[in-house]
Amino acid sequence: MAATNTDYSSNAIPTASSSGRALDLASLTLLIVGGLNWGLVGLFNFDLVAGLFGEGTMLARAVYVLVGIAALYGFVTATRVAKKG
């Protein structure tokens, strides 16, 4: 049986956990960007993503796709949390 490091005195975060947290943070950031963008579209008819990256450009489309993927990830995460609760 291999020995494991159980030294909890350091502030190190395990790699698997930090990668999950990074994904959660990236997803949350994209959801905020998407929400703010839709708010701007609804209030002022202004698409910030298109304004920054150009309307219909590959980069703007990539941002829209990433926001959509983040929304799916958020849905799956919320479903898992609801099942635990």
N, C-alpha and C. Protein backbone atom coordinates (compact mmCIF):
# COMPACT_ATOMS: atom_id res chain seq x y z
N MET A 1 0.85 -1.17 0.00
CA MET A 1 0.00 0.00 0.00
C MET A 1 0.90 1.23 0.00
N ALA A 2 0.65 2.17 -0.88
CA ALA A 2 1.46 3.37 -0.98
C ALA A 2 1.07 4.36 0.10
N ALA A 3 2.07 5.04 0.61
CA ALA A 3 1.82 6.06 1.63
C ALA A 3 1.27 7.32 0.96
N THR A 4 0.35 7.96 1.64
CA THR A 4 -0.19 9.21 1.11
C THR A 4 0.24 10.36 2.00
N ASN A 5 0.34 11.52 1.41
CA ASN A 5 0.73 12.71 2.15
C ASN A 5 -0.51 13.30 2.81
N THR A 6 -0.55 13.27 4.13
CA THR A 6 -1.69 13.81 4.85
C THR A 6 -1.30 15.03 5.66
N ASP A 7 -0.29 15.74 5.20
CA ASP A 7 0.14 16.96 5.88
C ASP A 7 -0.83 18.08 5.52
N TYR A 8 -1.70 18.41 6.46
CA TYR A 8 -2.71 19.44 6.22
C TYR A 8 -2.24 20.82 6.66
N SER A 9 -0.98 20.94 7.06
CA SER A 9 -0.50 22.22 7.55
C SER A 9 -0.21 23.20 6.42
N SER A 10 0.01 22.70 5.22
CA SER A 10 0.30 23.61 4.11
C SER A 10 -1.01 24.10 3.51
N ASN A 11 -0.93 25.15 2.74
CA ASN A 11 -2.10 25.71 2.08
C ASN A 11 -2.26 25.18 0.67
N ALA A 12 -1.52 24.12 0.34
CA ALA A 12 -1.58 23.57 -1.01
C ALA A 12 -2.95 22.95 -1.27
N ILE A 13 -3.43 23.14 -2.48
CA ILE A 13 -4.71 22.58 -2.89
C ILE A 13 -4.39 21.44 -3.86
N PRO A 14 -5.00 20.28 -3.68
CA PRO A 14 -4.72 19.17 -4.60
C PRO A 14 -5.01 19.56 -6.04
N THR A 15 -4.26 18.99 -6.96
CA THR A 15 -4.36 19.35 -8.37
C THR A 15 -5.74 19.07 -8.94
N ALA A 16 -6.31 17.92 -8.65
CA ALA A 16 -7.62 17.59 -9.19
C ALA A 16 -8.67 18.60 -8.72
N SER A 17 -8.58 18.98 -7.47
CA SER A 17 -9.53 19.93 -6.93
C SER A 17 -9.35 21.31 -7.56
N SER A 18 -8.11 21.72 -7.75
CA SER A 18 -7.88 23.04 -8.33
C SER A 18 -8.31 23.10 -9.78
N SER A 19 -8.18 21.98 -10.51
CA SER A 19 -8.64 21.99 -11.90
C SER A 19 -10.16 22.08 -11.95
N GLY A 20 -10.84 21.43 -11.02
CA GLY A 20 -12.30 21.54 -10.95
C GLY A 20 -12.73 22.94 -10.59
N ARG A 21 -12.01 23.54 -9.67
CA ARG A 21 -12.33 24.92 -9.29
C ARG A 21 -12.07 25.88 -10.43
N ALA A 22 -11.02 25.63 -11.20
CA ALA A 22 -10.72 26.49 -12.35
C ALA A 22 -11.83 26.39 -13.38
N LEU A 23 -12.34 25.18 -13.60
CA LEU A 23 -13.44 24.99 -14.55
C LEU A 23 -14.69 25.69 -14.04
N ASP A 24 -14.97 25.58 -12.74
CA ASP A 24 -16.12 26.27 -12.16
C ASP A 24 -15.99 27.78 -12.31
N LEU A 25 -14.81 28.31 -12.06
CA LEU A 25 -14.59 29.75 -12.18
C LEU A 25 -14.72 30.22 -13.63
N ALA A 26 -14.16 29.45 -14.56
CA ALA A 26 -14.27 29.80 -15.97
C ALA A 26 -15.73 29.77 -16.42
N SER A 27 -16.45 28.75 -15.99
CA SER A 27 -17.86 28.64 -16.34
C SER A 27 -18.66 29.80 -15.76
N LEU A 28 -18.43 30.12 -14.50
CA LEU A 28 -19.14 31.23 -13.87
C LEU A 28 -18.84 32.55 -14.58
N THR A 29 -17.59 32.76 -14.94
CA THR A 29 -17.19 33.98 -15.64
C THR A 29 -17.92 34.09 -16.98
N LEU A 30 -17.97 32.98 -17.72
CA LEU A 30 -18.66 33.00 -19.01
C LEU A 30 -20.16 33.21 -18.85
N LEU A 31 -20.75 32.64 -17.80
CA LEU A 31 -22.18 32.86 -17.55
C LEU A 31 -22.45 34.32 -17.22
N ILE A 32 -21.56 34.95 -16.47
CA ILE A 32 -21.72 36.38 -16.15
C ILE A 32 -21.59 37.22 -17.42
N VAL A 33 -20.59 36.91 -18.24
CA VAL A 33 -20.41 37.64 -19.50
C VAL A 33 -21.66 37.49 -20.37
N GLY A 34 -22.17 36.27 -20.48
CA GLY A 34 -23.36 36.04 -21.29
C GLY A 34 -24.58 36.76 -20.73
N GLY A 35 -24.74 36.72 -19.42
CA GLY A 35 -25.87 37.41 -18.81
C GLY A 35 -25.81 38.91 -18.99
N LEU A 36 -24.64 39.47 -18.78
CA LEU A 36 -24.47 40.91 -18.99
C LEU A 36 -24.70 41.29 -20.45
N ASN A 37 -24.20 40.46 -21.35
CA ASN A 37 -24.39 40.73 -22.77
C ASN A 37 -25.88 40.73 -23.13
N TRP A 38 -26.62 39.73 -22.63
CA TRP A 38 -28.06 39.69 -22.92
C TRP A 38 -28.78 40.86 -22.27
N GLY A 39 -28.34 41.28 -21.11
CA GLY A 39 -28.92 42.46 -20.48
C GLY A 39 -28.73 43.70 -21.32
N LEU A 40 -27.52 43.85 -21.87
CA LEU A 40 -27.25 45.00 -22.74
C LEU A 40 -28.07 44.94 -24.03
N VAL A 41 -28.23 43.72 -24.57
CA VAL A 41 -29.04 43.57 -25.78
C VAL A 41 -30.49 43.95 -25.47
N GLY A 42 -31.01 43.48 -24.35
CA GLY A 42 -32.39 43.77 -24.00
C GLY A 42 -32.65 45.23 -23.67
N LEU A 43 -31.72 45.85 -22.95
CA LEU A 43 -31.93 47.23 -22.53
C LEU A 43 -31.58 48.27 -23.59
N PHE A 44 -30.48 48.02 -24.29
CA PHE A 44 -29.95 49.06 -25.19
C PHE A 44 -29.77 48.60 -26.63
N ASN A 45 -30.19 47.37 -26.93
CA ASN A 45 -29.98 46.80 -28.26
C ASN A 45 -28.50 46.86 -28.66
N PHE A 46 -27.62 46.57 -27.68
CA PHE A 46 -26.19 46.61 -27.92
C PHE A 46 -25.58 45.26 -27.57
N ASP A 47 -24.95 44.62 -28.53
CA ASP A 47 -24.29 43.33 -28.33
C ASP A 47 -22.81 43.60 -28.06
N LEU A 48 -22.41 43.49 -26.80
CA LEU A 48 -21.04 43.79 -26.40
C LEU A 48 -20.04 42.85 -27.05
N VAL A 49 -20.37 41.57 -27.13
CA VAL A 49 -19.45 40.60 -27.74
C VAL A 49 -19.21 40.96 -29.20
N ALA A 50 -20.28 41.25 -29.92
CA ALA A 50 -20.13 41.65 -31.33
C ALA A 50 -19.38 42.98 -31.42
N GLY A 51 -19.62 43.88 -30.48
CA GLY A 51 -18.92 45.16 -30.47
C GLY A 51 -17.43 45.00 -30.25
N LEU A 52 -17.06 44.04 -29.41
CA LEU A 52 -15.63 43.83 -29.13
C LEU A 52 -14.92 43.02 -30.21
N PHE A 53 -15.60 42.00 -30.73
CA PHE A 53 -14.92 41.06 -31.62
C PHE A 53 -15.41 41.10 -33.06
N GLY A 54 -16.42 41.93 -33.33
CA GLY A 54 -16.96 42.02 -34.68
C GLY A 54 -18.17 41.13 -34.85
N GLU A 55 -19.17 41.63 -35.52
CA GLU A 55 -20.41 40.86 -35.69
C GLU A 55 -20.20 39.70 -36.65
N GLY A 56 -20.53 38.51 -36.20
CA GLY A 56 -20.44 37.32 -37.04
C GLY A 56 -19.04 36.77 -37.23
N THR A 57 -18.04 37.32 -36.53
CA THR A 57 -16.68 36.81 -36.68
C THR A 57 -16.55 35.47 -35.96
N MET A 58 -15.53 34.74 -36.33
CA MET A 58 -15.28 33.44 -35.68
C MET A 58 -15.03 33.62 -34.18
N LEU A 59 -14.35 34.69 -33.80
CA LEU A 59 -14.06 34.92 -32.39
C LEU A 59 -15.34 35.20 -31.60
N ALA A 60 -16.21 36.02 -32.17
CA ALA A 60 -17.49 36.30 -31.50
C ALA A 60 -18.32 35.02 -31.39
N ARG A 61 -18.35 34.25 -32.45
CA ARG A 61 -19.10 32.98 -32.42
C ARG A 61 -18.50 32.03 -31.40
N ALA A 62 -17.18 32.01 -31.28
CA ALA A 62 -16.53 31.15 -30.28
C ALA A 62 -16.95 31.56 -28.87
N VAL A 63 -17.05 32.86 -28.62
CA VAL A 63 -17.49 33.33 -27.31
C VAL A 63 -18.91 32.86 -27.05
N TYR A 64 -19.80 32.99 -28.04
CA TYR A 64 -21.18 32.55 -27.87
C TYR A 64 -21.25 31.04 -27.58
N VAL A 65 -20.45 30.26 -28.29
CA VAL A 65 -20.42 28.81 -28.07
C VAL A 65 -19.91 28.49 -26.67
N LEU A 66 -18.86 29.18 -26.24
CA LEU A 66 -18.32 28.95 -24.90
C LEU A 66 -19.33 29.31 -23.82
N VAL A 67 -20.08 30.38 -24.03
CA VAL A 67 -21.13 30.76 -23.08
C VAL A 67 -22.20 29.67 -23.04
N GLY A 68 -22.56 29.13 -24.18
CA GLY A 68 -23.54 28.04 -24.23
C GLY A 68 -23.06 26.79 -23.52
N ILE A 69 -21.79 26.44 -23.72
CA ILE A 69 -21.20 25.28 -23.04
C ILE A 69 -21.18 25.53 -21.54
N ALA A 70 -20.85 26.75 -21.14
CA ALA A 70 -20.84 27.09 -19.72
C ALA A 70 -22.24 26.96 -19.12
N ALA A 71 -23.25 27.32 -19.89
CA ALA A 71 -24.63 27.19 -19.41
C ALA A 71 -24.99 25.71 -19.22
N LEU A 72 -24.58 24.86 -20.15
CA LEU A 72 -24.83 23.42 -20.00
C LEU A 72 -24.10 22.87 -18.78
N TYR A 73 -22.85 23.29 -18.60
CA TYR A 73 -22.07 22.86 -17.43
C TYR A 73 -22.75 23.34 -16.14
N GLY A 74 -23.24 24.56 -16.14
CA GLY A 74 -23.94 25.10 -14.98
C GLY A 74 -25.21 24.32 -14.69
N PHE A 75 -25.93 23.92 -15.73
CA PHE A 75 -27.14 23.13 -15.56
C PHE A 75 -26.82 21.78 -14.93
N VAL A 76 -25.79 21.11 -15.45
CA VAL A 76 -25.38 19.81 -14.90
C VAL A 76 -24.93 19.96 -13.45
N THR A 77 -24.15 20.99 -13.17
CA THR A 77 -23.69 21.23 -11.80
C THR A 77 -24.85 21.50 -10.87
N ALA A 78 -25.80 22.31 -11.29
CA ALA A 78 -26.97 22.61 -10.45
C ALA A 78 -27.79 21.36 -10.19
N THR A 79 -27.91 20.50 -11.19
CA THR A 79 -28.64 19.25 -11.03
C THR A 79 -27.97 18.36 -10.00
N ARG A 80 -26.64 18.28 -10.06
CA ARG A 80 -25.91 17.46 -9.09
C ARG A 80 -26.05 18.01 -7.67
N VAL A 81 -25.98 19.32 -7.55
CA VAL A 81 -26.12 19.95 -6.23
C VAL A 81 -27.52 19.69 -5.68
N ALA A 82 -28.54 19.79 -6.53
CA ALA A 82 -29.92 19.58 -6.10
C ALA A 82 -30.13 18.14 -5.63
N LYS A 83 -29.48 17.18 -6.28
CA LYS A 83 -29.62 15.78 -5.87
C LYS A 83 -28.96 15.51 -4.53
N LYS A 84 -27.87 16.23 -4.22
CA LYS A 84 -27.17 16.04 -2.95
C LYS A 84 -27.95 16.66 -1.79
N GLY A 85 -28.64 17.77 -2.08
CA GLY A 85 -29.28 18.57 -1.06
C GLY A 85 -30.46 17.93 -0.43
